[in-house]
Amino acid sequence: MTVEETRRRLGRFGVWIPPQTLLVTPVAVQRREFARIERLGYGSLWSGEPPATSPGVSRDALVQHGLMLAATERIVVGTGIANIGMRDPVAMHTGAATLAEAYPGRFILGLGGQSGDRPLARLGEYLDAMDAAAERLLPDVRYPRILAALGPKAHRLAAERADGVHPFLQPVEHTANARAALGSGQLLIPHQAVVLDTDPASARGRLRAMFGTARRGVDSPYTRHYRRLGYGDEDLAGDRSDRLIDAILAWGDETAIAQRLRAHLDAGADHVLVHPFAADLPAMVDQLERLANPLAL
């Protein structure tokens, strides 16, 4: 599946579901809700995978996304992301190629999770090993490969070695920067957290609670990137400033959230992933249903 074919299949809006939500949701409920998302008209369905060392846990990403494919008929399914620390490059390629062969035109492999010293060099070496495996194992099966990329160096790697990027929890200005760095030939698929709540304190509190469960001070890869975008200590310390929260969280009524999602498209995104904050998977899909008409799905 080429980049242009992928763009056509994706449409404008898809869905991102937290891996922890899927971990606690019975498979039978997942199947029902995935089919419901497809009926609403969303073009894709994604989830992630935390690293093995993270306090957060999940189901195996490739198995989970195979379940998404099996429960639906047309929707594109993407890993956002499959963690390179969770499986070796041969297993990553053969697993992705098997899903791509079984569901032609419907699977995207998103990769990330590199850490430690020289993380981009490590990711490049991992891609080298995947490419070597692909020369001898399922060599005729193709699937789009995108990277979790935030900064300029990561964008350069994606432009050279992948089909695009999947930024997570970034403001609209990052989407514009990423498009300028990538050019027109790469997929740009940002994640957007949303809270259907018109009360500022309550809405912002949902994202602040998420930050609080994994507080890392002001020196995490994400906060270092927010600095590149012009956010300072007053924005990044403690509970984070309203300015930063409002930049990375879409909150309000259905119209306000739809406007933010379309702003990513106007800034150069090919496809925007909607992540509603909700208590469980059925409640998430209830919110997606409320947004379907404002998004003109």
Protein backbone atom coordinates (compact mmCIF):
# COMPACT_ATOMS: atom_id res chain seq x y z
CA MET A 1 0.00 0.00 0.00
CA THR A 2 1.56 3.29 -1.10
CA VAL A 3 1.44 6.54 0.87
CA GLU A 4 -1.17 7.97 -1.50
CA GLU A 5 -3.30 4.84 -1.25
CA THR A 6 -3.02 5.01 2.53
CA ARG A 7 -4.13 8.64 2.56
CA ARG A 8 -7.21 7.80 0.53
CA ARG A 9 -8.18 4.90 2.76
CA LEU A 10 -7.67 6.83 6.00
CA GLY A 11 -9.92 9.80 5.34
CA ARG A 12 -9.71 12.71 7.77
CA PHE A 13 -10.31 11.32 11.27
CA GLY A 14 -9.50 8.16 13.19
CA VAL A 15 -9.49 6.97 16.79
CA TRP A 16 -6.72 6.35 19.34
CA ILE A 17 -7.53 4.16 22.37
CA PRO A 18 -5.24 3.91 25.43
CA PRO A 19 -3.66 0.46 25.77
CA GLN A 20 -4.58 0.38 29.46
CA THR A 21 -8.25 0.76 28.51
CA LEU A 22 -8.03 -2.20 26.15
CA LEU A 23 -6.19 -4.28 28.74
CA VAL A 24 -9.17 -4.14 31.11
CA THR A 25 -11.87 -4.43 28.44
CA PRO A 26 -13.10 -7.97 27.67
CA VAL A 27 -12.49 -9.04 24.10
CA ALA A 28 -16.19 -9.48 23.42
CA VAL A 29 -16.81 -5.85 24.40
CA GLN A 30 -13.87 -4.74 22.29
CA ARG A 31 -15.27 -6.46 19.20
CA ARG A 32 -18.64 -4.77 19.65
CA GLU A 33 -17.17 -1.31 20.19
CA PHE A 34 -14.66 -1.57 17.31
CA ALA A 35 -17.51 -2.41 14.94
CA ARG A 36 -19.46 0.54 16.34
CA ILE A 37 -16.53 2.90 15.65
CA GLU A 38 -16.41 1.66 12.07
CA ARG A 39 -20.15 2.22 11.62
CA LEU A 40 -19.77 5.81 12.87
CA GLY A 41 -17.49 6.51 9.90
CA TYR A 42 -14.06 6.91 11.47
CA GLY A 43 -11.31 5.88 9.07
CA SER A 44 -8.81 4.26 11.42
CA LEU A 45 -8.32 2.61 14.80
CA TRP A 46 -5.09 2.80 16.81
CA SER A 47 -3.62 1.96 20.19
CA GLY A 48 -0.18 1.86 21.75
CA GLU A 49 2.20 -0.23 23.78
CA PRO A 50 4.22 1.01 26.76
CA PRO A 51 7.80 -0.20 27.25
CA ALA A 52 8.44 -3.31 29.30
CA THR A 53 9.98 -1.15 32.06
CA SER A 54 6.92 1.13 32.30
CA PRO A 55 4.48 0.85 35.20
CA GLY A 56 1.75 0.88 32.53
CA VAL A 57 1.04 -2.46 30.89
CA SER A 58 -0.93 -3.58 27.86
CA ARG A 59 -1.86 -6.52 25.71
CA ASP A 60 0.66 -7.45 23.02
CA ALA A 61 0.36 -4.71 20.39
CA LEU A 62 0.40 -6.90 17.29
CA VAL A 63 -2.12 -9.36 18.72
CA GLN A 64 -4.34 -6.49 19.90
CA HIS A 65 -4.31 -4.83 16.49
CA GLY A 66 -5.00 -8.16 14.81
CA LEU A 67 -8.14 -8.32 16.96
CA MET A 68 -9.11 -4.84 15.73
CA LEU A 69 -8.70 -5.96 12.13
CA ALA A 70 -10.70 -9.14 12.67
CA ALA A 71 -13.56 -7.26 14.36
CA THR A 72 -14.00 -4.78 11.49
CA GLU A 73 -14.39 -4.88 7.72
CA ARG A 74 -12.82 -1.79 6.13
CA ILE A 75 -11.24 0.42 8.78
CA VAL A 76 -7.45 0.95 8.71
CA VAL A 77 -5.65 -0.22 11.86
CA GLY A 78 -2.36 1.25 13.07
CA THR A 79 0.00 0.69 15.97
CA GLY A 80 0.62 3.96 17.72
CA ILE A 81 3.10 2.72 18.72
CA ALA A 82 4.50 -0.83 18.77
CA ASN A 83 7.42 -0.53 21.16
CA ILE A 84 10.81 -1.57 19.78
CA GLY A 85 11.85 -2.70 23.24
CA MET A 86 9.12 -5.33 23.35
CA ARG A 87 10.18 -7.56 20.43
CA ASP A 88 13.18 -8.07 18.21
CA PRO A 89 13.22 -6.62 14.67
CA VAL A 90 12.57 -9.96 12.97
CA ALA A 91 9.46 -10.56 15.10
CA MET A 92 8.31 -6.99 14.48
CA HIS A 93 8.60 -7.33 10.71
CA THR A 94 7.09 -10.79 10.41
CA GLY A 95 4.22 -9.91 12.73
CA ALA A 96 3.45 -6.72 10.81
CA ALA A 97 3.81 -8.42 7.43
CA THR A 98 1.47 -11.22 8.49
CA LEU A 99 -1.23 -8.71 9.44
CA ALA A 100 -0.66 -6.77 6.22
CA GLU A 101 -0.94 -9.95 4.14
CA ALA A 102 -4.07 -11.11 5.97
CA TYR A 103 -5.78 -7.69 5.68
CA PRO A 104 -4.51 -6.04 2.48
CA GLY A 105 -4.39 -2.26 2.60
CA ARG A 106 -5.59 -2.06 6.19
CA PHE A 107 -2.49 -2.17 8.43
CA ILE A 108 0.06 0.54 9.35
CA LEU A 109 3.04 -0.20 11.59
CA GLY A 110 3.90 2.67 13.92
CA LEU A 111 7.21 2.27 15.76
CA GLY A 112 8.83 4.03 18.69
CA GLY A 113 9.82 3.68 22.31
CA GLN A 114 13.59 4.02 21.93
CA SER A 115 15.35 5.23 25.07
CA GLY A 116 18.75 5.60 26.70
CA ASP A 117 21.83 7.04 25.04
CA ARG A 118 21.64 7.80 21.31
CA PRO A 119 17.94 6.84 20.99
CA LEU A 120 17.67 7.79 17.32
CA ALA A 121 20.79 5.81 16.48
CA ARG A 122 19.24 2.84 18.25
CA LEU A 123 16.04 3.26 16.26
CA GLY A 124 18.01 3.48 13.03
CA GLU A 125 19.82 0.24 13.85
CA TYR A 126 16.47 -1.40 14.60
CA LEU A 127 15.13 -0.28 11.21
CA ASP A 128 18.27 -1.68 9.56
CA ALA A 129 17.58 -5.05 11.15
CA MET A 130 13.92 -4.95 10.11
CA ASP A 131 14.92 -4.17 6.53
CA ALA A 132 17.40 -7.05 6.51
CA ALA A 133 14.69 -9.40 7.77
CA ALA A 134 12.27 -8.15 5.10
CA GLU A 135 14.71 -9.11 2.35
CA ARG A 136 14.37 -12.79 3.21
CA LEU A 137 11.13 -13.15 5.19
CA LEU A 138 7.82 -12.28 3.48
CA PRO A 139 9.70 -9.99 1.07
CA ASP A 140 6.71 -9.35 -1.18
CA VAL A 141 4.44 -8.05 1.61
CA ARG A 142 4.44 -4.27 1.99
CA TYR A 143 3.00 -2.11 4.77
CA PRO A 144 3.40 1.59 5.63
CA ARG A 145 5.92 2.21 8.42
CA ILE A 146 5.72 5.39 10.49
CA LEU A 147 7.69 6.65 13.47
CA ALA A 148 6.84 8.35 16.75
CA ALA A 149 8.82 11.51 15.98
CA LEU A 150 8.79 14.91 17.68
CA GLY A 151 11.97 16.85 16.95
CA PRO A 152 13.91 17.81 13.82
CA LYS A 153 16.39 14.90 13.99
CA ALA A 154 13.57 12.40 14.35
CA HIS A 155 11.75 13.99 11.42
CA ARG A 156 14.87 13.63 9.28
CA LEU A 157 15.10 9.96 10.20
CA ALA A 158 11.42 9.45 9.33
CA ALA A 159 11.86 11.22 5.99
CA GLU A 160 14.75 8.91 5.13
CA ARG A 161 13.62 5.59 6.59
CA ALA A 162 9.82 5.59 6.98
CA ASP A 163 6.55 6.65 5.40
CA GLY A 164 5.65 9.30 7.94
CA VAL A 165 5.23 10.22 11.59
CA HIS A 166 2.72 9.81 14.41
CA PRO A 167 3.18 12.63 16.98
CA PHE A 168 1.56 12.11 20.37
CA LEU A 169 0.06 14.79 22.63
CA GLN A 170 1.30 17.77 20.61
CA PRO A 171 -0.22 21.19 19.84
CA VAL A 172 -1.29 22.33 16.40
CA GLU A 173 1.93 24.31 15.93
CA HIS A 174 3.86 21.05 16.08
CA THR A 175 1.75 19.70 13.23
CA ALA A 176 2.71 22.71 11.11
CA ASN A 177 6.39 22.28 12.00
CA ALA A 178 6.29 18.57 11.23
CA ARG A 179 4.72 19.12 7.83
CA ALA A 180 7.35 21.71 6.95
CA ALA A 181 10.11 19.28 7.98
CA LEU A 182 8.66 16.26 6.20
CA GLY A 183 7.50 17.79 2.96
CA SER A 184 4.42 16.60 1.13
CA GLY A 185 5.44 13.00 0.50
CA GLN A 186 5.17 11.67 4.06
CA LEU A 187 2.17 10.74 6.18
CA LEU A 188 1.51 13.02 9.16
CA ILE A 189 -0.93 11.45 11.64
CA PRO A 190 -1.13 13.39 14.95
CA HIS A 191 -2.91 12.30 18.11
CA GLN A 192 -5.34 14.73 19.75
CA ALA A 193 -6.64 14.26 23.30
CA VAL A 194 -10.20 15.53 23.78
CA VAL A 195 -12.51 16.14 26.72
CA LEU A 196 -16.18 16.87 26.09
CA ASP A 197 -16.56 19.24 29.03
CA THR A 198 -17.24 23.00 28.97
CA ASP A 199 -15.98 23.65 32.51
CA PRO A 200 -12.33 24.82 32.26
CA ALA A 201 -11.14 23.50 35.62
CA SER A 202 -12.82 20.13 35.20
CA ALA A 203 -11.64 19.66 31.61
CA ARG A 204 -8.06 20.71 32.26
CA GLY A 205 -8.03 18.56 35.36
CA ARG A 206 -8.44 15.42 33.26
CA LEU A 207 -5.14 15.99 31.48
CA ARG A 208 -3.43 17.22 34.65
CA ALA A 209 -4.44 13.94 36.34
CA MET A 210 -2.80 12.00 33.51
CA PHE A 211 0.39 14.02 33.87
CA GLY A 212 0.27 13.44 37.61
CA THR A 213 0.29 9.64 37.29
CA ALA A 214 3.71 9.79 35.63
CA ARG A 215 5.22 13.04 36.88
CA ARG A 216 8.69 13.55 35.44
CA GLY A 217 9.48 17.12 36.41
CA VAL A 218 10.59 19.44 33.64
CA ASP A 219 13.19 17.25 31.90
CA SER A 220 11.37 14.49 30.03
CA PRO A 221 11.62 14.07 26.23
CA TYR A 222 8.14 15.58 25.92
CA THR A 223 8.85 18.62 28.06
CA ARG A 224 12.15 19.19 26.25
CA HIS A 225 10.19 19.23 23.03
CA TYR A 226 7.58 21.64 24.43
CA ARG A 227 10.48 23.97 25.15
CA ARG A 228 11.35 23.91 21.44
CA LEU A 229 7.85 25.17 20.80
CA GLY A 230 8.31 28.11 23.17
CA TYR A 231 6.97 26.82 26.50
CA GLY A 232 9.08 27.68 29.54
CA ASP A 233 9.50 26.65 33.17
CA GLU A 234 6.31 28.43 34.17
CA ASP A 235 4.41 26.24 31.71
CA LEU A 236 6.16 22.94 32.41
CA ALA A 237 6.56 22.80 36.17
CA GLY A 238 4.04 21.31 38.60
CA ASP A 239 0.55 20.91 37.17
CA ARG A 240 1.53 22.64 33.90
CA SER A 241 0.12 25.99 32.91
CA ASP A 242 -3.34 26.56 31.49
CA ARG A 243 -1.56 27.79 28.34
CA LEU A 244 0.18 24.45 27.80
CA ILE A 245 -2.84 22.36 28.77
CA ASP A 246 -5.05 24.27 26.35
CA ALA A 247 -2.49 23.83 23.57
CA ILE A 248 -2.39 20.04 23.82
CA LEU A 249 -5.94 19.28 25.00
CA ALA A 250 -9.09 19.98 22.99
CA TRP A 251 -11.90 20.63 25.44
CA GLY A 252 -15.36 22.18 25.32
CA ASP A 253 -18.47 21.29 23.39
CA GLU A 254 -18.65 19.27 20.19
CA THR A 255 -18.19 22.34 17.99
CA ALA A 256 -15.07 23.54 19.80
CA ILE A 257 -13.45 20.11 19.67
CA ALA A 258 -14.27 19.68 15.98
CA GLN A 259 -12.64 23.04 15.28
CA ARG A 260 -9.43 21.94 17.02
CA LEU A 261 -9.34 18.65 15.13
CA ARG A 262 -9.80 20.45 11.81
CA ALA A 263 -7.03 22.89 12.78
CA HIS A 264 -4.56 19.99 12.59
CA LEU A 265 -5.75 19.28 9.05
CA ASP A 266 -5.34 22.95 8.16
CA ALA A 267 -1.80 22.82 9.59
CA GLY A 268 -0.84 19.94 7.30
CA ALA A 269 -2.01 16.71 8.93
CA ASP A 270 -3.20 13.94 6.64
CA HIS A 271 -5.35 12.28 9.29
CA VAL A 272 -6.07 13.14 12.95
CA LEU A 273 -6.56 10.58 15.73
CA VAL A 274 -9.23 11.42 18.29
CA HIS A 275 -8.57 10.26 21.86
CA PRO A 276 -11.60 10.92 24.11
CA PHE A 277 -10.94 10.84 27.84
CA ALA A 278 -13.58 8.53 29.30
CA ALA A 279 -14.04 5.96 32.05
CA ASP A 280 -14.13 2.92 29.76
CA LEU A 281 -14.28 1.87 26.12
CA PRO A 282 -18.07 2.09 25.67
CA ALA A 283 -18.03 5.59 27.18
CA MET A 284 -15.25 6.57 24.78
CA VAL A 285 -17.31 5.42 21.83
CA ASP A 286 -20.32 7.34 23.18
CA GLN A 287 -18.20 10.49 22.94
CA LEU A 288 -17.01 9.56 19.45
CA GLU A 289 -20.67 9.24 18.47
CA ARG A 290 -21.33 12.77 19.73
CA LEU A 291 -18.46 14.07 17.59
CA ALA A 292 -19.39 12.19 14.40
CA ASN A 293 -21.83 14.78 13.05
CA PRO A 294 -19.71 17.88 13.86
CA LEU A 295 -16.80 16.17 12.09
CA ALA A 296 -19.01 15.37 9.10
CA LEU A 297 -17.92 11.75 9.01
